[in-house]
Amino acid sequence: MLHPDACDASSQKAGRRFFFLDLVHFLAQFKTMIRLNIHEAKTHLSKYLPRLEQGEKIMLCRRNVPIAEIVPITRSVNGPRPIGLAKGAFSVSPDFFAPLPDEIQKAFEGRNG
């Protein structure tokens, strides 16, 4: 990344703009994220789990070089699902509950010899 003063006169304004966008991206991506080296993650990961559950991300590094990102899993709804969500979306024909033909029944049971 170039310093904004390193650009020539014609592209200096554009260079500054990209420099500041890179800086904003850097701050948003790396300053708000927990950075852990592998050794620290192995020994102290349980200390960071509550922050991970709160929605923070952990960047896993090897010698301060990012190699992976640990992100929280979205929580599933633990309550009961309401009945009738698909009401009217499809219909079941009356022969759905009829017994299967003998050759299909034998195939399911492994007796199709």
N, C-alpha and C. Protein backbone atom coordinates (compact mmCIF):
# COMPACT_ATOMS: atom_id res chain seq x y z
N MET A 1 0.86 -1.17 0.00
CA MET A 1 0.00 0.00 0.00
C MET A 1 0.90 1.22 0.00
N LEU A 2 0.61 2.17 -0.86
CA LEU A 2 1.40 3.38 -0.97
C LEU A 2 0.94 4.43 0.01
N HIS A 3 1.88 5.21 0.46
CA HIS A 3 1.53 6.37 1.27
C HIS A 3 0.94 7.41 0.34
N PRO A 4 -0.05 8.22 0.76
CA PRO A 4 -0.69 9.16 -0.16
C PRO A 4 0.27 10.19 -0.73
N ASP A 5 1.37 10.50 -0.07
CA ASP A 5 2.32 11.47 -0.60
C ASP A 5 3.21 10.87 -1.67
N ALA A 6 3.20 9.55 -1.84
CA ALA A 6 4.06 8.91 -2.82
C ALA A 6 3.46 8.94 -4.23
N CYS A 7 2.24 9.39 -4.42
CA CYS A 7 1.59 9.43 -5.72
C CYS A 7 2.03 10.67 -6.47
N ASP A 8 2.01 10.58 -7.82
CA ASP A 8 2.32 11.78 -8.59
C ASP A 8 1.15 12.75 -8.52
N ALA A 9 1.34 13.96 -9.08
CA ALA A 9 0.35 15.03 -8.92
C ALA A 9 -1.00 14.68 -9.53
N SER A 10 -1.00 13.98 -10.68
CA SER A 10 -2.27 13.69 -11.35
C SER A 10 -3.11 12.65 -10.60
N SER A 11 -2.47 11.73 -9.92
CA SER A 11 -3.23 10.69 -9.23
C SER A 11 -3.17 10.82 -7.71
N GLN A 12 -2.67 11.94 -7.23
CA GLN A 12 -2.52 12.09 -5.79
C GLN A 12 -3.86 12.07 -5.08
N LYS A 13 -4.87 12.75 -5.66
CA LYS A 13 -6.18 12.78 -5.03
C LYS A 13 -6.80 11.38 -5.00
N ALA A 14 -6.71 10.66 -6.12
CA ALA A 14 -7.25 9.30 -6.18
C ALA A 14 -6.47 8.38 -5.24
N GLY A 15 -5.15 8.57 -5.17
CA GLY A 15 -4.33 7.75 -4.28
C GLY A 15 -4.71 7.96 -2.83
N ARG A 16 -4.97 9.19 -2.45
CA ARG A 16 -5.39 9.47 -1.07
C ARG A 16 -6.71 8.80 -0.76
N ARG A 17 -7.62 8.87 -1.73
CA ARG A 17 -8.93 8.27 -1.51
C ARG A 17 -8.78 6.77 -1.26
N PHE A 18 -7.98 6.08 -2.09
CA PHE A 18 -7.80 4.64 -1.92
C PHE A 18 -7.04 4.34 -0.64
N PHE A 19 -6.10 5.19 -0.29
CA PHE A 19 -5.36 4.99 0.96
C PHE A 19 -6.31 5.04 2.15
N PHE A 20 -7.20 6.02 2.17
CA PHE A 20 -8.12 6.14 3.29
C PHE A 20 -9.15 5.02 3.29
N LEU A 21 -9.57 4.58 2.10
CA LEU A 21 -10.49 3.44 2.06
C LEU A 21 -9.81 2.18 2.58
N ASP A 22 -8.53 1.99 2.23
CA ASP A 22 -7.80 0.85 2.76
C ASP A 22 -7.66 0.95 4.27
N LEU A 23 -7.43 2.14 4.77
CA LEU A 23 -7.29 2.33 6.20
C LEU A 23 -8.60 2.02 6.92
N VAL A 24 -9.71 2.49 6.35
CA VAL A 24 -11.02 2.21 6.95
C VAL A 24 -11.29 0.71 6.93
N HIS A 25 -11.00 0.06 5.82
CA HIS A 25 -11.19 -1.39 5.71
C HIS A 25 -10.33 -2.10 6.75
N PHE A 26 -9.08 -1.68 6.88
CA PHE A 26 -8.17 -2.29 7.84
C PHE A 26 -8.72 -2.15 9.26
N LEU A 27 -9.14 -0.93 9.61
CA LEU A 27 -9.64 -0.71 10.96
C LEU A 27 -10.91 -1.49 11.22
N ALA A 28 -11.81 -1.52 10.25
CA ALA A 28 -13.07 -2.24 10.43
C ALA A 28 -12.84 -3.74 10.52
N GLN A 29 -11.90 -4.25 9.74
CA GLN A 29 -11.69 -5.69 9.67
C GLN A 29 -10.83 -6.21 10.82
N PHE A 30 -9.77 -5.51 11.17
CA PHE A 30 -8.80 -6.06 12.09
C PHE A 30 -8.86 -5.49 13.50
N LYS A 31 -9.33 -4.29 13.67
CA LYS A 31 -9.36 -3.71 15.01
C LYS A 31 -10.56 -4.20 15.80
N THR A 32 -11.65 -4.55 15.13
CA THR A 32 -12.84 -4.99 15.83
C THR A 32 -12.87 -6.50 16.05
N MET A 33 -11.83 -7.18 15.57
CA MET A 33 -11.80 -8.63 15.63
C MET A 33 -10.75 -9.08 16.64
N ILE A 34 -11.02 -10.16 17.35
CA ILE A 34 -10.04 -10.72 18.27
C ILE A 34 -8.98 -11.44 17.44
N ARG A 35 -7.72 -11.13 17.68
CA ARG A 35 -6.62 -11.79 16.97
C ARG A 35 -5.87 -12.68 17.96
N LEU A 36 -5.78 -13.96 17.64
CA LEU A 36 -5.09 -14.92 18.51
C LEU A 36 -4.05 -15.69 17.71
N ASN A 37 -2.86 -15.81 18.26
CA ASN A 37 -1.89 -16.73 17.69
C ASN A 37 -2.27 -18.14 18.13
N ILE A 38 -1.75 -19.13 17.42
CA ILE A 38 -2.17 -20.52 17.65
C ILE A 38 -1.91 -20.95 19.08
N HIS A 39 -0.77 -20.63 19.63
CA HIS A 39 -0.46 -21.04 21.01
C HIS A 39 -1.47 -20.44 21.99
N GLU A 40 -1.77 -19.17 21.84
CA GLU A 40 -2.72 -18.53 22.75
C GLU A 40 -4.11 -19.13 22.58
N ALA A 41 -4.49 -19.45 21.35
CA ALA A 41 -5.80 -20.05 21.11
C ALA A 41 -5.89 -21.43 21.77
N LYS A 42 -4.81 -22.19 21.68
CA LYS A 42 -4.83 -23.53 22.29
C LYS A 42 -4.92 -23.46 23.80
N THR A 43 -4.29 -22.47 24.41
CA THR A 43 -4.26 -22.43 25.87
C THR A 43 -5.39 -21.60 26.48
N HIS A 44 -5.93 -20.62 25.75
CA HIS A 44 -6.90 -19.70 26.34
C HIS A 44 -8.20 -19.56 25.55
N LEU A 45 -8.53 -20.50 24.68
CA LEU A 45 -9.72 -20.35 23.85
C LEU A 45 -10.99 -20.25 24.68
N SER A 46 -11.06 -20.99 25.78
CA SER A 46 -12.28 -20.96 26.60
C SER A 46 -12.53 -19.57 27.17
N LYS A 47 -11.48 -18.79 27.36
CA LYS A 47 -11.64 -17.43 27.87
C LYS A 47 -12.34 -16.53 26.83
N TYR A 48 -12.18 -16.85 25.55
CA TYR A 48 -12.75 -16.03 24.48
C TYR A 48 -14.13 -16.51 24.03
N LEU A 49 -14.57 -17.67 24.47
CA LEU A 49 -15.87 -18.21 24.03
C LEU A 49 -17.05 -17.30 24.35
N PRO A 50 -17.13 -16.67 25.53
CA PRO A 50 -18.27 -15.77 25.76
C PRO A 50 -18.32 -14.62 24.76
N ARG A 51 -17.17 -14.08 24.38
CA ARG A 51 -17.16 -13.00 23.40
C ARG A 51 -17.56 -13.52 22.02
N LEU A 52 -17.17 -14.75 21.73
CA LEU A 52 -17.57 -15.37 20.46
C LEU A 52 -19.07 -15.58 20.43
N GLU A 53 -19.65 -16.00 21.55
CA GLU A 53 -21.10 -16.18 21.64
C GLU A 53 -21.85 -14.87 21.49
N GLN A 54 -21.21 -13.76 21.86
CA GLN A 54 -21.83 -12.44 21.73
C GLN A 54 -21.83 -11.96 20.28
N GLY A 55 -21.13 -12.67 19.38
CA GLY A 55 -21.12 -12.30 17.97
C GLY A 55 -19.78 -11.82 17.45
N GLU A 56 -18.76 -11.73 18.32
CA GLU A 56 -17.44 -11.31 17.85
C GLU A 56 -16.78 -12.43 17.07
N LYS A 57 -15.86 -12.06 16.18
CA LYS A 57 -15.11 -13.04 15.40
C LYS A 57 -13.70 -13.15 15.96
N ILE A 58 -13.09 -14.31 15.76
CA ILE A 58 -11.71 -14.53 16.17
C ILE A 58 -10.89 -14.80 14.93
N MET A 59 -9.80 -14.05 14.76
CA MET A 59 -8.89 -14.30 13.66
C MET A 59 -7.73 -15.12 14.23
N LEU A 60 -7.53 -16.30 13.67
CA LEU A 60 -6.47 -17.20 14.11
C LEU A 60 -5.23 -16.92 13.28
N CYS A 61 -4.09 -16.68 13.94
CA CYS A 61 -2.86 -16.29 13.25
C CYS A 61 -1.74 -17.27 13.56
N ARG A 62 -0.82 -17.39 12.61
CA ARG A 62 0.42 -18.12 12.82
C ARG A 62 1.54 -17.09 12.69
N ARG A 63 2.23 -16.83 13.76
CA ARG A 63 3.27 -15.80 13.81
C ARG A 63 2.73 -14.46 13.33
N ASN A 64 1.57 -14.08 13.84
CA ASN A 64 0.88 -12.82 13.53
C ASN A 64 0.43 -12.68 12.09
N VAL A 65 0.41 -13.76 11.33
CA VAL A 65 -0.11 -13.76 9.96
C VAL A 65 -1.44 -14.48 9.97
N PRO A 66 -2.54 -13.82 9.58
CA PRO A 66 -3.87 -14.46 9.63
C PRO A 66 -3.94 -15.70 8.74
N ILE A 67 -4.49 -16.79 9.31
CA ILE A 67 -4.65 -18.02 8.53
C ILE A 67 -6.09 -18.52 8.53
N ALA A 68 -6.88 -18.12 9.52
CA ALA A 68 -8.27 -18.60 9.58
C ALA A 68 -9.10 -17.64 10.41
N GLU A 69 -10.41 -17.79 10.27
CA GLU A 69 -11.32 -16.96 11.02
C GLU A 69 -12.35 -17.85 11.70
N ILE A 70 -12.55 -17.64 12.98
CA ILE A 70 -13.55 -18.40 13.73
C ILE A 70 -14.75 -17.48 13.92
N VAL A 71 -15.90 -17.91 13.41
CA VAL A 71 -17.11 -17.09 13.48
C VAL A 71 -18.17 -17.84 14.28
N PRO A 72 -19.03 -17.10 14.97
CA PRO A 72 -20.08 -17.77 15.74
C PRO A 72 -21.13 -18.37 14.82
N ILE A 73 -21.72 -19.45 15.27
CA ILE A 73 -22.81 -20.10 14.54
C ILE A 73 -24.10 -19.41 14.95
N THR A 74 -24.95 -19.15 13.96
CA THR A 74 -26.23 -18.52 14.28
C THR A 74 -27.06 -19.50 15.11
N ARG A 75 -27.69 -18.97 16.10
CA ARG A 75 -28.47 -19.82 17.01
C ARG A 75 -29.77 -20.26 16.36
N SER A 76 -30.12 -21.51 16.59
CA SER A 76 -31.39 -22.01 16.09
C SER A 76 -32.48 -21.72 17.12
N VAL A 77 -33.68 -21.70 16.65
CA VAL A 77 -34.81 -21.47 17.54
C VAL A 77 -35.05 -22.73 18.34
N ASN A 78 -35.09 -22.60 19.65
CA ASN A 78 -35.27 -23.76 20.51
C ASN A 78 -36.72 -24.02 20.88
N GLY A 79 -37.61 -23.11 20.54
CA GLY A 79 -39.02 -23.28 20.88
C GLY A 79 -39.72 -24.24 19.93
N PRO A 80 -40.93 -24.63 20.28
CA PRO A 80 -41.68 -25.53 19.39
C PRO A 80 -42.08 -24.82 18.10
N ARG A 81 -42.07 -25.57 17.02
CA ARG A 81 -42.47 -25.02 15.73
C ARG A 81 -43.99 -24.96 15.66
N PRO A 82 -44.53 -23.91 15.11
CA PRO A 82 -45.99 -23.83 15.01
C PRO A 82 -46.52 -24.84 14.00
N ILE A 83 -47.70 -25.34 14.27
CA ILE A 83 -48.34 -26.32 13.39
C ILE A 83 -49.10 -25.57 12.30
N GLY A 84 -49.04 -26.11 11.09
CA GLY A 84 -49.83 -25.55 10.00
C GLY A 84 -49.10 -24.53 9.15
N LEU A 85 -47.78 -24.52 9.15
CA LEU A 85 -47.04 -23.54 8.36
C LEU A 85 -47.25 -23.73 6.85
N ALA A 86 -47.45 -24.98 6.41
CA ALA A 86 -47.61 -25.26 4.99
C ALA A 86 -49.07 -25.50 4.61
N LYS A 87 -50.00 -25.04 5.42
CA LYS A 87 -51.41 -25.27 5.15
C LYS A 87 -51.80 -24.63 3.81
N GLY A 88 -52.39 -25.45 2.94
CA GLY A 88 -52.82 -24.97 1.64
C GLY A 88 -51.73 -24.96 0.58
N ALA A 89 -50.50 -25.27 0.93
CA ALA A 89 -49.41 -25.26 -0.03
C ALA A 89 -49.41 -26.51 -0.91
N PHE A 90 -49.95 -27.62 -0.43
CA PHE A 90 -50.02 -28.84 -1.22
C PHE A 90 -51.20 -29.67 -0.73
N SER A 91 -51.55 -30.67 -1.52
CA SER A 91 -52.63 -31.57 -1.10
C SER A 91 -52.14 -33.01 -1.24
N VAL A 92 -52.65 -33.87 -0.38
CA VAL A 92 -52.29 -35.28 -0.38
C VAL A 92 -53.43 -36.04 -1.03
N SER A 93 -53.09 -36.85 -2.04
CA SER A 93 -54.13 -37.61 -2.73
C SER A 93 -54.62 -38.74 -1.83
N PRO A 94 -55.85 -39.19 -2.02
CA PRO A 94 -56.41 -40.25 -1.15
C PRO A 94 -55.64 -41.57 -1.24
N ASP A 95 -55.02 -41.87 -2.40
CA ASP A 95 -54.32 -43.15 -2.52
C ASP A 95 -52.93 -43.13 -1.86
N PHE A 96 -52.56 -42.05 -1.22
CA PHE A 96 -51.28 -41.96 -0.53
C PHE A 96 -51.17 -43.00 0.58
N PHE A 97 -52.28 -43.26 1.25
CA PHE A 97 -52.28 -44.19 2.37
C PHE A 97 -52.61 -45.63 1.95
N ALA A 98 -52.82 -45.85 0.65
CA ALA A 98 -53.11 -47.20 0.16
C ALA A 98 -51.85 -48.06 0.27
N PRO A 99 -52.04 -49.39 0.42
CA PRO A 99 -50.87 -50.27 0.49
C PRO A 99 -50.08 -50.24 -0.82
N LEU A 100 -48.77 -50.45 -0.69
CA LEU A 100 -47.90 -50.48 -1.88
C LEU A 100 -48.16 -51.74 -2.69
N PRO A 101 -47.92 -51.69 -4.02
CA PRO A 101 -48.01 -52.93 -4.81
C PRO A 101 -46.99 -53.96 -4.31
N ASP A 102 -47.30 -55.24 -4.54
CA ASP A 102 -46.47 -56.33 -4.01
C ASP A 102 -45.02 -56.24 -4.48
N GLU A 103 -44.76 -55.93 -5.76
CA GLU A 103 -43.37 -55.91 -6.26
C GLU A 103 -42.56 -54.78 -5.59
N ILE A 104 -43.19 -53.66 -5.29
CA ILE A 104 -42.48 -52.57 -4.60
C ILE A 104 -42.25 -52.94 -3.14
N GLN A 105 -43.23 -53.55 -2.52
CA GLN A 105 -43.09 -53.98 -1.12
C GLN A 105 -41.96 -55.00 -1.00
N LYS A 106 -41.88 -55.95 -1.94
CA LYS A 106 -40.81 -56.97 -1.92
C LYS A 106 -39.44 -56.30 -2.11
N ALA A 107 -39.37 -55.28 -2.98
CA ALA A 107 -38.09 -54.59 -3.23
C ALA A 107 -37.65 -53.87 -1.94
N PHE A 108 -38.57 -53.27 -1.23
CA PHE A 108 -38.22 -52.59 0.03
C PHE A 108 -37.73 -53.59 1.06
N GLU A 109 -38.31 -54.77 1.05
CA GLU A 109 -37.94 -55.79 2.04
C GLU A 109 -36.77 -56.63 1.59
N GLY A 110 -36.28 -56.44 0.37
CA GLY A 110 -35.14 -57.19 -0.14
C GLY A 110 -35.49 -58.58 -0.62
N ARG A 111 -36.75 -58.79 -1.00
CA ARG A 111 -37.21 -60.11 -1.44
C ARG A 111 -37.54 -60.11 -2.92
N ASN A 112 -36.86 -59.33 -3.73
CA ASN A 112 -37.23 -59.21 -5.14
C ASN A 112 -36.45 -60.19 -6.00
N GLY A 113 -36.40 -61.46 -5.63
CA GLY A 113 -35.62 -62.47 -6.33
C GLY A 113 -36.45 -63.25 -7.22
